[in-house]
Amino acid sequence: MTLLRPILLLCCLFAAEVLAADGGYQNLAGIRRAAAQHVAGLHGARAHPPQITAGELDPRLRLAACATPLQTFLPAGARAQGNTTVGVRCNAQPPWQVYVPVMVRIFDQVLVATRPLPRGIPLTRDDVRLVERDLTTLPFGYVSDPAQAVGNQLKQPLTAGSVLLPSQIEGPRLVRRGDSVIIIGSSAGLTVRMQGQAMGDGAAGDWIKVRNPLTKKEVSGQVTPEGRVQVNL
């Protein structure tokens, strides 16, 4: 009897392991793999596949083996990059749902300054270059197309090697304060043109104040790519 009890105990433990391996419990590695594949699918169009690491689940977790394919989803408010969470659920009986922590690192080419750049200069192709960066470390955005930067002006100085942010560039000033500009007003299909005076600087798309020479009043208008100011009558 003394030897029989340990043997019976080992047999019971072995049977439990076989049950788990044979499908009695859902494989936790499979859950993590499903979560990683879900995020990878969200970035399928990227030229550089992201680095995805699914976090470990509690090894004590016992979930019934799912008789249907696992369903994956991003919880409300979750991002598809950085430290995020992916939900994995089983819709068979008995149903269950778990959340897998996932780290998603995305690498791509972004523009950085090739040298110290002062505020106000129009950028040239020699002022910036493309380098690979982890996009998850750039919460304020980035510029990846040189065409979006070249010819635009810097709104603040940059140090050599710093990433160029969209908020740091603006189009060239087409209108300067005090300039005589053409004011274009439209109403009910009627277009009126008149000379006015710019009360501020503006690039294409900016809203500035202009003075109407007839009424002596100031109105707001949007600078057009041609350097005119469009107002609503």
Protein backbone atom coordinates (compact mmCIF):
# COMPACT_ATOMS: atom_id res chain seq x y z
CA MET A 1 0.00 0.00 0.00
CA THR A 2 2.93 2.35 0.75
CA LEU A 3 4.17 2.20 -2.85
CA LEU A 4 0.69 2.04 -4.38
CA ARG A 5 -0.42 5.52 -3.21
CA PRO A 6 2.46 7.46 -4.88
CA ILE A 7 1.92 5.47 -8.05
CA LEU A 8 -1.80 6.31 -8.06
CA LEU A 9 -0.98 9.99 -7.45
CA LEU A 10 1.45 10.07 -10.37
CA CYS A 11 -1.13 8.40 -12.58
CA CYS A 12 -3.71 11.06 -11.66
CA LEU A 13 -1.29 13.89 -12.40
CA PHE A 14 -0.33 12.31 -15.72
CA ALA A 15 -4.00 11.93 -16.62
CA ALA A 16 -4.58 15.64 -15.90
CA GLU A 17 -1.66 16.61 -18.16
CA VAL A 18 -3.01 14.38 -20.93
CA LEU A 19 -6.46 15.94 -20.55
CA ALA A 20 -5.02 19.44 -20.95
CA ALA A 21 -2.84 18.42 -23.90
CA ASP A 22 -5.70 16.55 -25.59
CA GLY A 23 -8.01 19.56 -25.62
CA GLY A 24 -9.58 19.57 -22.17
CA TYR A 25 -8.17 23.09 -21.71
CA GLN A 26 -7.50 25.82 -24.21
CA ASN A 27 -3.82 26.12 -25.10
CA LEU A 28 -2.58 29.46 -23.67
CA ALA A 29 0.11 29.79 -26.32
CA GLY A 30 -2.62 29.58 -28.93
CA ILE A 31 -4.49 32.45 -27.24
CA ARG A 32 -1.35 34.61 -27.27
CA ARG A 33 -0.71 33.69 -30.90
CA ALA A 34 -4.26 34.70 -31.87
CA ALA A 35 -3.81 38.07 -30.16
CA ALA A 36 -0.52 38.71 -31.99
CA GLN A 37 -2.02 37.71 -35.33
CA HIS A 38 -4.91 40.13 -34.80
CA VAL A 39 -2.55 43.08 -34.40
CA ALA A 40 -0.38 41.93 -37.30
CA GLY A 41 -3.48 41.97 -39.51
CA LEU A 42 -4.14 45.60 -38.60
CA HIS A 43 -0.70 46.52 -39.97
CA GLY A 44 -0.74 44.26 -43.01
CA ALA A 45 -0.35 47.17 -45.45
CA ARG A 46 2.91 48.39 -43.91
CA ALA A 47 6.14 47.92 -45.83
CA HIS A 48 7.94 47.09 -42.57
CA PRO A 49 6.15 44.44 -40.47
CA PRO A 50 5.83 45.51 -36.82
CA GLN A 51 7.55 43.77 -33.93
CA ILE A 52 4.78 42.17 -31.88
CA THR A 53 5.24 40.57 -28.48
CA ALA A 54 2.23 39.03 -26.74
CA GLY A 55 2.55 39.04 -22.97
CA GLU A 56 2.39 35.92 -20.86
CA LEU A 57 -0.88 34.71 -19.39
CA ASP A 58 -1.21 33.30 -15.89
CA PRO A 59 -0.15 29.65 -16.27
CA ARG A 60 -2.80 28.71 -13.71
CA LEU A 61 -5.52 29.88 -16.10
CA ARG A 62 -7.81 26.99 -17.06
CA LEU A 63 -10.17 27.68 -19.95
CA ALA A 64 -12.29 25.08 -21.67
CA ALA A 65 -10.97 24.14 -25.09
CA CYS A 66 -12.94 26.19 -27.62
CA ALA A 67 -14.88 24.15 -30.18
CA THR A 68 -15.03 27.13 -32.59
CA PRO A 69 -12.32 29.47 -33.95
CA LEU A 70 -11.21 32.08 -31.44
CA GLN A 71 -12.55 35.62 -31.91
CA THR A 72 -10.14 38.53 -31.41
CA PHE A 73 -10.79 42.25 -31.02
CA LEU A 74 -9.34 45.52 -29.77
CA PRO A 75 -11.20 46.73 -26.66
CA ALA A 76 -12.72 50.20 -26.77
CA GLY A 77 -9.99 52.82 -26.45
CA ALA A 78 -7.14 50.39 -27.16
CA ARG A 79 -4.49 51.39 -29.69
CA ALA A 80 -2.95 49.24 -32.40
CA GLN A 81 0.59 50.17 -31.36
CA GLY A 82 2.71 50.57 -28.27
CA ASN A 83 1.51 48.93 -25.07
CA THR A 84 -1.98 47.73 -25.87
CA THR A 85 -4.48 44.97 -25.11
CA VAL A 86 -6.18 42.47 -27.38
CA GLY A 87 -9.35 40.65 -26.37
CA VAL A 88 -9.72 36.96 -27.19
CA ARG A 89 -13.05 35.22 -26.76
CA CYS A 90 -14.65 31.85 -27.29
CA ASN A 91 -18.28 31.90 -28.44
CA ALA A 92 -18.81 28.17 -27.97
CA GLN A 93 -20.11 26.55 -24.79
CA PRO A 94 -18.93 27.30 -22.22
CA PRO A 95 -18.05 30.82 -23.47
CA TRP A 96 -15.08 32.73 -22.06
CA GLN A 97 -13.10 35.89 -22.70
CA VAL A 98 -9.58 37.00 -21.76
CA TYR A 99 -7.40 40.02 -22.44
CA VAL A 100 -3.83 39.64 -23.63
CA PRO A 101 -1.24 42.41 -23.09
CA VAL A 102 0.60 43.06 -26.35
CA MET A 103 3.59 45.26 -27.16
CA VAL A 104 3.61 46.53 -30.76
CA ARG A 105 6.70 48.35 -32.06
CA ILE A 106 6.45 49.90 -35.53
CA PHE A 107 9.54 50.98 -37.43
CA ASP A 108 9.49 53.24 -40.48
CA GLN A 109 11.38 56.01 -42.22
CA VAL A 110 10.87 59.53 -40.82
CA LEU A 111 12.49 62.88 -41.54
CA VAL A 112 15.13 64.28 -39.18
CA ALA A 113 17.19 67.47 -39.36
CA THR A 114 20.64 67.04 -40.89
CA ARG A 115 22.00 70.08 -39.03
CA PRO A 116 20.83 72.74 -36.56
CA LEU A 117 18.02 74.63 -38.31
CA PRO A 118 16.83 78.11 -37.29
CA ARG A 119 13.22 79.17 -37.11
CA GLY A 120 11.66 80.70 -40.21
CA ILE A 121 13.89 79.22 -42.91
CA PRO A 122 12.35 77.46 -45.92
CA LEU A 123 13.43 73.83 -45.79
CA THR A 124 15.51 72.33 -48.60
CA ARG A 125 16.15 68.67 -49.41
CA ASP A 126 19.62 68.98 -47.86
CA ASP A 127 18.13 70.09 -44.53
CA VAL A 128 16.40 66.75 -43.85
CA ARG A 129 17.06 63.06 -44.33
CA LEU A 130 15.14 59.84 -43.81
CA VAL A 131 16.10 57.55 -40.92
CA GLU A 132 14.37 54.58 -39.33
CA ARG A 133 12.64 55.25 -36.01
CA ASP A 134 10.28 53.44 -33.68
CA LEU A 135 6.97 55.20 -34.39
CA THR A 136 5.58 54.18 -31.02
CA THR A 137 8.05 56.61 -29.42
CA LEU A 138 6.71 59.55 -31.48
CA PRO A 139 3.39 60.48 -29.84
CA PHE A 140 3.31 63.91 -31.49
CA GLY A 141 3.57 62.57 -35.03
CA TYR A 142 6.24 62.66 -37.72
CA VAL A 143 6.80 63.53 -41.38
CA SER A 144 7.80 60.71 -43.71
CA ASP A 145 7.55 62.35 -47.15
CA PRO A 146 10.22 64.93 -48.05
CA ALA A 147 7.71 66.60 -50.39
CA GLN A 148 5.65 67.55 -47.32
CA ALA A 149 8.62 69.41 -45.84
CA VAL A 150 10.69 70.91 -48.65
CA GLY A 151 9.66 74.49 -49.36
CA ASN A 152 7.80 74.87 -46.06
CA GLN A 153 9.03 77.02 -43.22
CA LEU A 154 10.07 76.03 -39.72
CA LYS A 155 7.93 77.42 -36.93
CA GLN A 156 10.64 76.70 -34.36
CA PRO A 157 14.37 75.84 -34.39
CA LEU A 158 15.50 72.21 -34.67
CA THR A 159 18.63 70.52 -33.41
CA ALA A 160 20.59 68.14 -35.62
CA GLY A 161 19.07 64.65 -35.62
CA SER A 162 15.71 65.69 -34.14
CA VAL A 163 12.55 64.29 -35.73
CA LEU A 164 10.54 66.78 -37.77
CA LEU A 165 6.98 67.08 -36.46
CA PRO A 166 3.98 68.14 -38.57
CA SER A 167 3.26 70.93 -36.07
CA GLN A 168 6.73 72.42 -36.64
CA ILE A 169 6.27 73.33 -40.29
CA GLU A 170 3.96 75.64 -42.17
CA GLY A 171 3.58 76.73 -45.75
CA PRO A 172 5.46 79.77 -47.06
CA ARG A 173 3.89 83.10 -46.12
CA LEU A 174 1.93 84.22 -49.17
CA VAL A 175 0.53 87.30 -47.44
CA ARG A 176 2.30 89.70 -45.09
CA ARG A 177 0.78 92.20 -42.68
CA GLY A 178 0.16 95.47 -44.50
CA ASP A 179 0.13 93.89 -47.97
CA SER A 180 -2.46 94.98 -50.47
CA VAL A 181 -4.45 91.84 -51.29
CA ILE A 182 -7.39 90.87 -53.45
CA ILE A 183 -10.44 90.04 -51.33
CA ILE A 184 -12.84 87.59 -52.95
CA GLY A 185 -16.35 87.39 -51.54
CA SER A 186 -19.06 84.98 -52.60
CA SER A 187 -22.77 84.97 -51.83
CA ALA A 188 -25.73 83.32 -53.58
CA GLY A 189 -23.67 82.60 -56.68
CA LEU A 190 -22.37 86.16 -56.90
CA THR A 191 -18.60 86.75 -56.67
CA VAL A 192 -17.18 90.14 -55.72
CA ARG A 193 -13.52 91.15 -55.95
CA MET A 194 -11.98 94.18 -54.30
CA GLN A 195 -8.66 95.41 -52.99
CA GLY A 196 -8.05 95.15 -49.27
CA GLN A 197 -5.30 95.28 -46.70
CA ALA A 198 -3.93 92.26 -44.86
CA MET A 199 -3.89 92.70 -41.10
CA GLY A 200 -1.63 89.69 -40.50
CA ASP A 201 0.70 87.16 -42.09
CA GLY A 202 -0.71 84.02 -43.65
CA ALA A 203 0.20 80.90 -45.57
CA ALA A 204 -2.19 79.02 -47.84
CA GLY A 205 -5.14 77.82 -45.79
CA ASP A 206 -4.55 80.24 -42.89
CA TRP A 207 -7.32 82.50 -41.65
CA ILE A 208 -6.32 86.15 -41.32
CA LYS A 209 -8.01 89.51 -40.83
CA VAL A 210 -8.34 91.85 -43.84
CA ARG A 211 -9.64 95.40 -43.96
CA ASN A 212 -12.38 96.25 -46.40
CA PRO A 213 -11.45 99.60 -47.99
CA LEU A 214 -15.07 100.56 -48.55
CA THR A 215 -16.51 99.90 -45.12
CA LYS A 216 -13.23 100.27 -43.22
CA LYS A 217 -14.26 97.12 -41.32
CA GLU A 218 -12.11 94.08 -40.69
CA VAL A 219 -13.34 90.65 -41.74
CA SER A 220 -11.83 87.16 -41.51
CA GLY A 221 -10.82 85.32 -44.65
CA GLN A 222 -8.82 82.31 -45.75
CA VAL A 223 -5.62 82.70 -47.74
CA THR A 224 -5.81 80.90 -51.09
CA PRO A 225 -2.84 79.22 -52.83
CA GLU A 226 -2.77 82.22 -55.18
CA GLY A 227 -2.22 84.66 -52.31
CA ARG A 228 -5.74 86.03 -52.29
CA VAL A 229 -8.14 86.11 -49.36
CA GLN A 230 -11.52 84.37 -49.59
CA VAL A 231 -14.28 85.74 -47.34
CA ASN A 232 -17.91 84.83 -46.82
CA LEU A 233 -20.34 87.66 -47.51
